[in-house]
Amino acid sequence: MSWFYLFVAGLFEIGWPIGLKMAQHPQTRLLGFAGAVVFMGLSGFMLWLAQRHIPIGTAYAVWTGIGAAGTFLVGVLYYGDPASLARYLGVALIVGGVVILKLAH
């Protein structure tokens, strides 16, 4: 169950940068800030649950890896962030590192 909590925590980790991105626009500023705070709280709580049975270093690396890769994809797909082979390779390396940490646990 801890790995499930960690995965969900990583998904919530994607939400707060999106909220901050939404807060860049006056019409969605308050909703964006509120969303960021809610997602931070949910993500942190789920990480706390996961850390009961997963080592802190592994949990943190997996959590941030999911958040970083997911936020990158949302940025490319929905916000027009630049996409190049090198950027995708960088994200693939992050995901590969997360997989190795999971397998080594």
N, C-alpha and C. Protein backbone atom coordinates (compact mmCIF):
# COMPACT_ATOMS: atom_id res chain seq x y z
N MET A 1 0.83 -1.20 0.00
CA MET A 1 0.00 0.00 0.00
C MET A 1 0.87 1.26 0.00
N SER A 2 2.05 1.19 0.59
CA SER A 2 2.92 2.36 0.66
C SER A 2 3.33 2.85 -0.72
N TRP A 3 3.59 1.91 -1.64
CA TRP A 3 3.96 2.32 -2.99
C TRP A 3 2.78 2.98 -3.70
N PHE A 4 1.59 2.54 -3.43
CA PHE A 4 0.41 3.20 -3.98
C PHE A 4 0.32 4.63 -3.44
N TYR A 5 0.49 4.80 -2.12
CA TYR A 5 0.48 6.14 -1.53
C TYR A 5 1.55 7.02 -2.18
N LEU A 6 2.71 6.44 -2.41
CA LEU A 6 3.80 7.22 -3.00
C LEU A 6 3.47 7.63 -4.43
N PHE A 7 2.88 6.72 -5.19
CA PHE A 7 2.49 7.05 -6.56
C PHE A 7 1.46 8.17 -6.58
N VAL A 8 0.46 8.07 -5.72
CA VAL A 8 -0.57 9.12 -5.64
C VAL A 8 0.04 10.44 -5.18
N ALA A 9 0.98 10.36 -4.23
CA ALA A 9 1.68 11.57 -3.79
C ALA A 9 2.39 12.23 -4.96
N GLY A 10 3.03 11.42 -5.81
CA GLY A 10 3.71 11.96 -6.99
C GLY A 10 2.74 12.62 -7.96
N LEU A 11 1.57 12.02 -8.13
CA LEU A 11 0.56 12.63 -9.01
C LEU A 11 0.09 13.97 -8.44
N PHE A 12 -0.15 14.02 -7.12
CA PHE A 12 -0.53 15.28 -6.49
C PHE A 12 0.60 16.31 -6.61
N GLU A 13 1.82 15.83 -6.63
CA GLU A 13 2.98 16.73 -6.76
C GLU A 13 2.94 17.48 -8.08
N ILE A 14 2.32 16.90 -9.09
CA ILE A 14 2.18 17.56 -10.39
C ILE A 14 1.21 18.73 -10.28
N GLY A 15 0.25 18.64 -9.38
CA GLY A 15 -0.80 19.65 -9.29
C GLY A 15 -0.36 21.02 -8.83
N TRP A 16 0.60 21.08 -7.89
CA TRP A 16 0.90 22.41 -7.37
C TRP A 16 1.66 23.30 -8.36
N PRO A 17 2.59 22.79 -9.19
CA PRO A 17 3.17 23.69 -10.19
C PRO A 17 2.14 24.15 -11.23
N ILE A 18 1.17 23.29 -11.52
CA ILE A 18 0.10 23.70 -12.43
C ILE A 18 -0.70 24.83 -11.81
N GLY A 19 -0.99 24.70 -10.51
CA GLY A 19 -1.69 25.78 -9.81
C GLY A 19 -0.91 27.08 -9.86
N LEU A 20 0.40 27.00 -9.66
CA LEU A 20 1.22 28.22 -9.72
C LEU A 20 1.24 28.79 -11.14
N LYS A 21 1.22 27.93 -12.14
CA LYS A 21 1.14 28.39 -13.53
C LYS A 21 -0.19 29.09 -13.77
N MET A 22 -1.27 28.52 -13.26
CA MET A 22 -2.59 29.15 -13.39
C MET A 22 -2.61 30.51 -12.69
N ALA A 23 -1.88 30.62 -11.59
CA ALA A 23 -1.85 31.87 -10.83
C ALA A 23 -1.13 32.99 -11.56
N GLN A 24 -0.48 32.70 -12.66
CA GLN A 24 0.20 33.72 -13.46
C GLN A 24 -0.81 34.63 -14.18
N HIS A 25 -2.04 34.16 -14.32
CA HIS A 25 -3.06 34.92 -15.04
C HIS A 25 -4.06 35.51 -14.04
N PRO A 26 -4.34 36.80 -14.16
CA PRO A 26 -5.22 37.46 -13.18
C PRO A 26 -6.58 36.77 -13.00
N GLN A 27 -7.17 36.26 -14.07
CA GLN A 27 -8.50 35.67 -13.97
C GLN A 27 -8.50 34.33 -13.23
N THR A 28 -7.36 33.66 -13.12
CA THR A 28 -7.29 32.38 -12.41
C THR A 28 -6.28 32.43 -11.25
N ARG A 29 -5.92 33.63 -10.83
CA ARG A 29 -4.89 33.78 -9.80
C ARG A 29 -5.29 33.11 -8.48
N LEU A 30 -6.47 33.44 -7.95
CA LEU A 30 -6.87 32.88 -6.66
C LEU A 30 -7.09 31.37 -6.73
N LEU A 31 -7.74 30.92 -7.79
CA LEU A 31 -7.96 29.49 -7.98
C LEU A 31 -6.61 28.76 -8.10
N GLY A 32 -5.68 29.36 -8.81
CA GLY A 32 -4.36 28.75 -8.97
C GLY A 32 -3.62 28.62 -7.66
N PHE A 33 -3.59 29.71 -6.87
CA PHE A 33 -2.92 29.65 -5.56
C PHE A 33 -3.60 28.65 -4.64
N ALA A 34 -4.93 28.67 -4.62
CA ALA A 34 -5.67 27.74 -3.76
C ALA A 34 -5.40 26.29 -4.18
N GLY A 35 -5.43 26.06 -5.47
CA GLY A 35 -5.14 24.71 -5.97
C GLY A 35 -3.74 24.27 -5.61
N ALA A 36 -2.77 25.17 -5.75
CA ALA A 36 -1.39 24.83 -5.41
C ALA A 36 -1.27 24.43 -3.94
N VAL A 37 -1.89 25.19 -3.07
CA VAL A 37 -1.83 24.89 -1.63
C VAL A 37 -2.49 23.54 -1.32
N VAL A 38 -3.65 23.30 -1.93
CA VAL A 38 -4.36 22.03 -1.69
C VAL A 38 -3.51 20.86 -2.19
N PHE A 39 -2.97 20.97 -3.40
CA PHE A 39 -2.16 19.88 -3.94
C PHE A 39 -0.88 19.67 -3.13
N MET A 40 -0.27 20.75 -2.64
CA MET A 40 0.91 20.60 -1.78
C MET A 40 0.56 19.80 -0.53
N GLY A 41 -0.56 20.16 0.08
CA GLY A 41 -0.98 19.47 1.28
C GLY A 41 -1.28 18.00 1.04
N LEU A 42 -2.03 17.72 -0.01
CA LEU A 42 -2.36 16.33 -0.34
C LEU A 42 -1.11 15.52 -0.67
N SER A 43 -0.23 16.13 -1.45
CA SER A 43 1.00 15.45 -1.83
C SER A 43 1.86 15.15 -0.60
N GLY A 44 2.00 16.13 0.26
CA GLY A 44 2.79 15.94 1.47
C GLY A 44 2.20 14.88 2.39
N PHE A 45 0.88 14.86 2.53
CA PHE A 45 0.23 13.88 3.39
C PHE A 45 0.44 12.46 2.83
N MET A 46 0.27 12.30 1.52
CA MET A 46 0.46 10.98 0.93
C MET A 46 1.92 10.54 1.03
N LEU A 47 2.85 11.48 0.88
CA LEU A 47 4.26 11.15 1.06
C LEU A 47 4.52 10.70 2.49
N TRP A 48 3.91 11.36 3.44
CA TRP A 48 4.05 10.99 4.85
C TRP A 48 3.56 9.56 5.07
N LEU A 49 2.42 9.22 4.47
CA LEU A 49 1.90 7.86 4.58
C LEU A 49 2.88 6.85 3.98
N ALA A 50 3.42 7.18 2.82
CA ALA A 50 4.33 6.26 2.13
C ALA A 50 5.62 6.05 2.91
N GLN A 51 6.10 7.08 3.58
CA GLN A 51 7.37 6.98 4.29
C GLN A 51 7.31 6.09 5.52
N ARG A 52 6.14 5.65 5.89
CA ARG A 52 6.04 4.73 7.02
C ARG A 52 6.72 3.40 6.71
N HIS A 53 6.78 3.03 5.42
CA HIS A 53 7.36 1.73 5.04
C HIS A 53 8.38 1.82 3.91
N ILE A 54 8.63 3.00 3.40
CA ILE A 54 9.61 3.18 2.33
C ILE A 54 10.70 4.11 2.86
N PRO A 55 11.98 3.78 2.65
CA PRO A 55 13.05 4.65 3.12
C PRO A 55 12.89 6.08 2.58
N ILE A 56 13.24 7.05 3.42
CA ILE A 56 13.01 8.46 3.08
C ILE A 56 13.69 8.86 1.77
N GLY A 57 14.92 8.43 1.56
CA GLY A 57 15.64 8.81 0.34
C GLY A 57 14.98 8.26 -0.91
N THR A 58 14.55 7.01 -0.84
CA THR A 58 13.85 6.40 -1.97
C THR A 58 12.51 7.08 -2.20
N ALA A 59 11.76 7.27 -1.13
CA ALA A 59 10.44 7.91 -1.26
C ALA A 59 10.56 9.30 -1.85
N TYR A 60 11.51 10.08 -1.35
CA TYR A 60 11.65 11.45 -1.85
C TYR A 60 12.06 11.47 -3.32
N ALA A 61 13.00 10.62 -3.70
CA ALA A 61 13.45 10.59 -5.09
C ALA A 61 12.33 10.16 -6.03
N VAL A 62 11.56 9.15 -5.64
CA VAL A 62 10.45 8.70 -6.48
C VAL A 62 9.38 9.78 -6.57
N TRP A 63 9.06 10.38 -5.44
CA TRP A 63 8.05 11.45 -5.37
C TRP A 63 8.41 12.61 -6.29
N THR A 64 9.64 13.10 -6.16
CA THR A 64 10.05 14.23 -6.99
C THR A 64 10.20 13.83 -8.46
N GLY A 65 10.61 12.57 -8.70
CA GLY A 65 10.73 12.10 -10.08
C GLY A 65 9.39 12.07 -10.79
N ILE A 66 8.38 11.54 -10.11
CA ILE A 66 7.03 11.53 -10.70
C ILE A 66 6.56 12.95 -10.93
N GLY A 67 6.77 13.80 -9.93
CA GLY A 67 6.35 15.20 -10.07
C GLY A 67 7.07 15.92 -11.20
N ALA A 68 8.37 15.72 -11.30
CA ALA A 68 9.15 16.40 -12.35
C ALA A 68 8.76 15.92 -13.74
N ALA A 69 8.69 14.60 -13.92
CA ALA A 69 8.35 14.06 -15.23
C ALA A 69 6.91 14.42 -15.62
N GLY A 70 6.01 14.31 -14.67
CA GLY A 70 4.62 14.65 -14.95
C GLY A 70 4.43 16.12 -15.27
N THR A 71 5.09 16.98 -14.51
CA THR A 71 4.98 18.42 -14.77
C THR A 71 5.59 18.77 -16.11
N PHE A 72 6.69 18.12 -16.46
CA PHE A 72 7.29 18.33 -17.78
C PHE A 72 6.29 17.99 -18.88
N LEU A 73 5.65 16.83 -18.77
CA LEU A 73 4.70 16.42 -19.81
C LEU A 73 3.50 17.35 -19.89
N VAL A 74 2.97 17.77 -18.74
CA VAL A 74 1.85 18.72 -18.75
C VAL A 74 2.29 20.03 -19.41
N GLY A 75 3.49 20.48 -19.10
CA GLY A 75 3.99 21.72 -19.70
C GLY A 75 4.10 21.62 -21.22
N VAL A 76 4.60 20.51 -21.70
CA VAL A 76 4.74 20.33 -23.15
C VAL A 76 3.37 20.18 -23.81
N LEU A 77 2.51 19.37 -23.21
CA LEU A 77 1.22 19.07 -23.85
C LEU A 77 0.20 20.20 -23.76
N TYR A 78 0.20 20.95 -22.64
CA TYR A 78 -0.86 21.92 -22.42
C TYR A 78 -0.40 23.38 -22.38
N TYR A 79 0.88 23.61 -22.13
CA TYR A 79 1.34 24.99 -21.98
C TYR A 79 2.35 25.40 -23.05
N GLY A 80 2.59 24.55 -24.01
CA GLY A 80 3.48 24.92 -25.10
C GLY A 80 4.95 25.01 -24.71
N ASP A 81 5.34 24.33 -23.63
CA ASP A 81 6.75 24.34 -23.26
C ASP A 81 7.56 23.68 -24.37
N PRO A 82 8.81 24.08 -24.53
CA PRO A 82 9.63 23.51 -25.61
C PRO A 82 9.84 22.01 -25.41
N ALA A 83 9.82 21.29 -26.50
CA ALA A 83 10.06 19.85 -26.49
C ALA A 83 11.16 19.55 -27.49
N SER A 84 12.15 18.85 -27.03
CA SER A 84 13.23 18.43 -27.91
C SER A 84 13.67 17.03 -27.49
N LEU A 85 14.43 16.39 -28.34
CA LEU A 85 14.93 15.06 -28.02
C LEU A 85 15.74 15.08 -26.72
N ALA A 86 16.54 16.10 -26.55
CA ALA A 86 17.37 16.19 -25.34
C ALA A 86 16.50 16.34 -24.09
N ARG A 87 15.45 17.13 -24.16
CA ARG A 87 14.56 17.30 -23.01
C ARG A 87 13.84 15.99 -22.68
N TYR A 88 13.37 15.29 -23.70
CA TYR A 88 12.73 14.00 -23.47
C TYR A 88 13.73 12.99 -22.91
N LEU A 89 14.95 13.03 -23.38
CA LEU A 89 15.99 12.14 -22.86
C LEU A 89 16.24 12.42 -21.38
N GLY A 90 16.27 13.70 -21.01
CA GLY A 90 16.45 14.06 -19.61
C GLY A 90 15.35 13.50 -18.73
N VAL A 91 14.11 13.61 -19.19
CA VAL A 91 12.99 13.06 -18.42
C VAL A 91 13.07 11.54 -18.39
N ALA A 92 13.48 10.92 -19.48
CA ALA A 92 13.64 9.46 -19.49
C ALA A 92 14.69 9.02 -18.47
N LEU A 93 15.75 9.80 -18.32
CA LEU A 93 16.76 9.47 -17.31
C LEU A 93 16.19 9.58 -15.90
N ILE A 94 15.36 10.58 -15.67
CA ILE A 94 14.71 10.71 -14.36
C ILE A 94 13.84 9.50 -14.10
N VAL A 95 13.01 9.14 -15.07
CA VAL A 95 12.12 7.99 -14.91
C VAL A 95 12.93 6.70 -14.72
N GLY A 96 14.00 6.56 -15.48
CA GLY A 96 14.87 5.39 -15.33
C GLY A 96 15.46 5.30 -13.93
N GLY A 97 15.88 6.42 -13.39
CA GLY A 97 16.40 6.44 -12.03
C GLY A 97 15.35 6.04 -11.01
N VAL A 98 14.12 6.50 -11.20
CA VAL A 98 13.03 6.14 -10.30
C VAL A 98 12.77 4.64 -10.38
N VAL A 99 12.77 4.08 -11.58
CA VAL A 99 12.54 2.64 -11.74
C VAL A 99 13.65 1.84 -11.04
N ILE A 100 14.89 2.27 -11.20
CA ILE A 100 16.00 1.58 -10.54
C ILE A 100 15.85 1.64 -9.02
N LEU A 101 15.46 2.80 -8.49
CA LEU A 101 15.24 2.90 -7.05
C LEU A 101 14.16 1.95 -6.58
N LYS A 102 13.09 1.83 -7.36
CA LYS A 102 12.00 0.92 -6.99
C LYS A 102 12.49 -0.53 -7.02
N LEU A 103 13.22 -0.89 -8.05
CA LEU A 103 13.70 -2.26 -8.17
C LEU A 103 14.74 -2.62 -7.10
N ALA A 104 15.49 -1.63 -6.68
CA ALA A 104 16.53 -1.86 -5.68
C ALA A 104 15.99 -1.88 -4.26
N HIS A 105 14.73 -1.52 -4.08
CA HIS A 105 14.14 -1.46 -2.73
C HIS A 105 14.00 -2.81 -2.12
